[in-house]
Amino acid sequence: MVAFDVFRIESGRIAEHWDNLIPLRDAPNLAGRTQIDGSIEVTDLNETEANKALVIDLLERMFIGGEQLDITQFINPARYLQHNPDAGDGLDGLQALMQANAAAGMKMRYDEIGIVVAEGNFVLTGASGALGEQPTAFYDLWRLEDGLIVEHWDIIAPIQTENLPEGYPGKF
């Protein structure tokens, strides 16, 4: 399994935990990348808040608000590396995946950003929404350089809606 786990620590103990998991694919994606390779060096600590703000702006405006954006104001079109198992690199790879999902009735919609964790050039977001009609949890890890997204990993997994306690919202 591939997972993103986030823990909030209070007084030296785990106070809250969030995660999202999907199976590890055997084969690389169209760009030859896997779900778990890529750059891991944390840099640009002084850019943490700016990088976090850029990613939140992208998600709120495009994925939640449905706004048509000049995506090159957020993503570097010449350097965008994709680790989604179904996508290729660059804006063409992202667009092809979005179009294929929409054609299959699996349009992606974010409803709420529930968590954002950032350090330097990395920003992790957790959001709830839907893929098609299926309630879905979206965890995205974004790597930025020079104020633009250059690399992306994600875990997109269904949210269980059966057998939940009464009144449980099923989201963040």
Protein backbone atom coordinates (compact mmCIF):
# COMPACT_ATOMS: atom_id res chain seq x y z
CA MET A 1 0.00 0.00 0.00
CA VAL A 2 0.99 3.60 -0.57
CA ALA A 3 -0.09 5.97 2.18
CA PHE A 4 -0.02 9.52 3.37
CA ASP A 5 -0.23 9.68 7.16
CA VAL A 6 -0.51 12.93 9.08
CA PHE A 7 -0.28 13.12 12.86
CA ARG A 8 -0.98 16.05 15.15
CA ILE A 9 1.13 15.79 18.26
CA GLU A 10 0.04 17.40 21.51
CA SER A 11 2.10 17.18 24.72
CA GLY A 12 4.30 14.51 23.14
CA ARG A 13 1.35 12.25 22.22
CA ILE A 14 -0.65 11.62 19.09
CA ALA A 15 -3.81 13.71 19.38
CA GLU A 16 -5.18 13.27 15.84
CA HIS A 17 -4.42 11.15 12.78
CA TRP A 18 -5.44 11.38 9.13
CA ASP A 19 -4.50 8.98 6.34
CA ASN A 20 -5.29 7.92 2.81
CA LEU A 21 -4.17 4.63 1.23
CA ILE A 22 -4.19 2.96 -2.17
CA PRO A 23 -2.51 -0.17 -3.54
CA LEU A 24 1.01 0.18 -4.94
CA ARG A 25 0.96 -0.34 -8.71
CA ASP A 26 3.46 -2.78 -10.17
CA ALA A 27 4.17 -0.74 -13.30
CA PRO A 28 5.24 2.89 -13.63
CA ASN A 29 2.92 5.53 -15.09
CA LEU A 30 3.02 6.84 -18.66
CA ALA A 31 6.05 8.99 -17.79
CA GLY A 32 7.96 6.06 -16.27
CA ARG A 33 7.49 7.28 -12.71
CA THR A 34 6.17 5.33 -9.76
CA GLN A 35 3.93 6.42 -6.92
CA ILE A 36 6.89 6.55 -4.54
CA ASP A 37 9.92 7.88 -6.41
CA GLY A 38 10.98 11.48 -6.97
CA SER A 39 12.70 14.31 -5.19
CA ILE A 40 12.66 14.29 -1.40
CA GLU A 41 14.99 17.16 -0.49
CA VAL A 42 13.25 19.87 1.52
CA THR A 43 14.53 23.29 0.44
CA ASP A 44 13.35 26.90 0.44
CA LEU A 45 12.13 26.95 4.03
CA ASN A 46 11.63 30.70 3.72
CA GLU A 47 9.05 30.03 0.96
CA THR A 48 6.80 27.74 3.05
CA GLU A 49 3.90 30.18 3.46
CA ALA A 50 4.03 31.41 -0.16
CA ASN A 51 4.07 27.84 -1.49
CA LYS A 52 1.20 26.86 0.79
CA ALA A 53 -0.83 29.89 -0.35
CA LEU A 54 -0.26 29.09 -4.05
CA VAL A 55 -1.46 25.49 -3.67
CA ILE A 56 -4.51 26.52 -1.63
CA ASP A 57 -5.35 29.19 -4.22
CA LEU A 58 -5.17 26.59 -7.02
CA LEU A 59 -7.38 24.10 -5.18
CA GLU A 60 -9.94 26.66 -4.06
CA ARG A 61 -10.27 28.37 -7.41
CA MET A 62 -9.98 25.46 -9.87
CA PHE A 63 -10.90 22.26 -8.03
CA ILE A 64 -13.55 23.68 -5.69
CA GLY A 65 -14.73 26.79 -7.55
CA GLY A 66 -14.47 25.37 -11.07
CA GLU A 67 -12.78 28.54 -12.29
CA GLN A 68 -11.01 28.45 -15.66
CA LEU A 69 -7.44 29.44 -14.83
CA ASP A 70 -4.19 30.08 -16.62
CA ILE A 71 -2.68 26.96 -15.07
CA THR A 72 0.83 28.17 -15.93
CA GLN A 73 0.42 30.66 -13.08
CA PHE A 74 0.47 27.63 -10.75
CA ILE A 75 2.27 24.80 -12.56
CA ASN A 76 5.56 25.01 -14.46
CA PRO A 77 4.56 23.63 -17.89
CA ALA A 78 8.14 22.78 -18.84
CA ARG A 79 8.99 20.84 -15.65
CA TYR A 80 5.77 19.28 -14.29
CA LEU A 81 6.54 15.70 -13.16
CA GLN A 82 3.59 13.44 -12.40
CA HIS A 83 3.51 10.41 -10.06
CA ASN A 84 -0.22 9.65 -10.40
CA PRO A 85 -0.28 6.06 -11.70
CA ASP A 86 -2.65 7.00 -14.55
CA ALA A 87 -1.05 10.26 -15.73
CA GLY A 88 1.81 11.40 -17.88
CA ASP A 89 4.10 14.34 -17.31
CA GLY A 90 3.38 17.94 -18.20
CA LEU A 91 0.13 19.80 -18.59
CA ASP A 92 -0.80 17.52 -21.50
CA GLY A 93 -0.61 14.49 -19.20
CA LEU A 94 -2.76 16.19 -16.58
CA GLN A 95 -5.32 17.32 -19.15
CA ALA A 96 -5.49 13.85 -20.75
CA LEU A 97 -6.18 12.24 -17.37
CA MET A 98 -8.89 14.78 -16.48
CA GLN A 99 -10.56 14.35 -19.88
CA ALA A 100 -10.43 10.54 -19.70
CA ASN A 101 -11.96 10.58 -16.21
CA ALA A 102 -14.72 12.98 -17.29
CA ALA A 103 -15.50 10.85 -20.37
CA ALA A 104 -15.84 7.81 -18.08
CA GLY A 105 -18.29 9.69 -15.83
CA MET A 106 -15.63 10.20 -13.18
CA LYS A 107 -15.36 13.97 -13.09
CA MET A 108 -13.28 15.11 -10.12
CA ARG A 109 -14.76 17.57 -7.62
CA TYR A 110 -13.22 18.86 -4.43
CA ASP A 111 -15.72 20.08 -1.81
CA GLU A 112 -13.52 20.99 1.14
CA ILE A 113 -9.84 21.25 1.95
CA GLY A 114 -9.53 19.64 5.35
CA ILE A 115 -5.81 19.75 5.99
CA VAL A 116 -2.74 21.53 4.64
CA VAL A 117 0.78 20.81 5.86
CA ALA A 118 3.76 22.61 4.33
CA GLU A 119 7.51 22.76 4.77
CA GLY A 120 9.63 24.68 2.31
CA ASN A 121 9.12 23.38 -1.22
CA PHE A 122 6.59 20.67 -0.24
CA VAL A 123 2.87 21.13 0.42
CA LEU A 124 0.54 18.27 1.39
CA THR A 125 -3.22 18.78 1.07
CA GLY A 126 -6.10 16.57 2.14
CA ALA A 127 -9.53 17.26 0.67
CA SER A 128 -12.92 15.61 0.46
CA GLY A 129 -15.09 15.60 -2.63
CA ALA A 130 -16.16 13.12 -5.26
CA LEU A 131 -14.87 11.21 -8.24
CA GLY A 132 -17.98 10.76 -10.31
CA GLU A 133 -20.68 10.01 -7.75
CA GLN A 134 -18.32 8.30 -5.28
CA PRO A 135 -17.41 10.33 -2.17
CA THR A 136 -13.64 10.54 -2.32
CA ALA A 137 -10.63 11.60 -0.26
CA PHE A 138 -7.92 13.42 -2.22
CA TYR A 139 -4.45 13.66 -0.72
CA ASP A 140 -1.97 15.54 -2.90
CA LEU A 141 1.71 16.21 -2.32
CA TRP A 142 3.06 19.11 -4.33
CA ARG A 143 6.73 20.07 -4.82
CA LEU A 144 7.44 23.64 -5.89
CA GLU A 145 10.41 25.46 -7.38
CA ASP A 146 10.62 29.18 -8.00
CA GLY A 147 6.99 29.70 -6.96
CA LEU A 148 5.46 27.06 -9.27
CA ILE A 149 4.45 23.40 -8.89
CA VAL A 150 6.98 21.10 -10.57
CA GLU A 151 6.08 17.67 -9.14
CA HIS A 152 2.92 15.96 -7.90
CA TRP A 153 2.01 12.76 -6.05
CA ASP A 154 -1.51 11.81 -5.02
CA ILE A 155 -3.62 9.22 -3.31
CA ILE A 156 -7.24 9.23 -4.41
CA ALA A 157 -9.41 6.80 -2.46
CA PRO A 158 -13.13 6.26 -1.92
CA ILE A 159 -14.65 7.40 1.36
CA GLN A 160 -16.64 4.69 3.06
CA THR A 161 -20.23 5.83 3.43
CA GLU A 162 -21.90 2.59 4.54
CA ASN A 163 -22.26 1.70 8.22
CA LEU A 164 -21.12 5.08 9.51
CA PRO A 165 -22.42 6.21 12.91
CA GLU A 166 -25.51 8.41 12.72
CA GLY A 167 -24.57 12.05 12.25
CA TYR A 168 -21.05 11.26 11.01
CA PRO A 169 -20.30 13.72 8.22
CA GLY A 170 -18.01 11.46 6.17
CA LYS A 171 -15.58 14.29 5.52
CA PHE A 172 -13.06 16.45 7.37
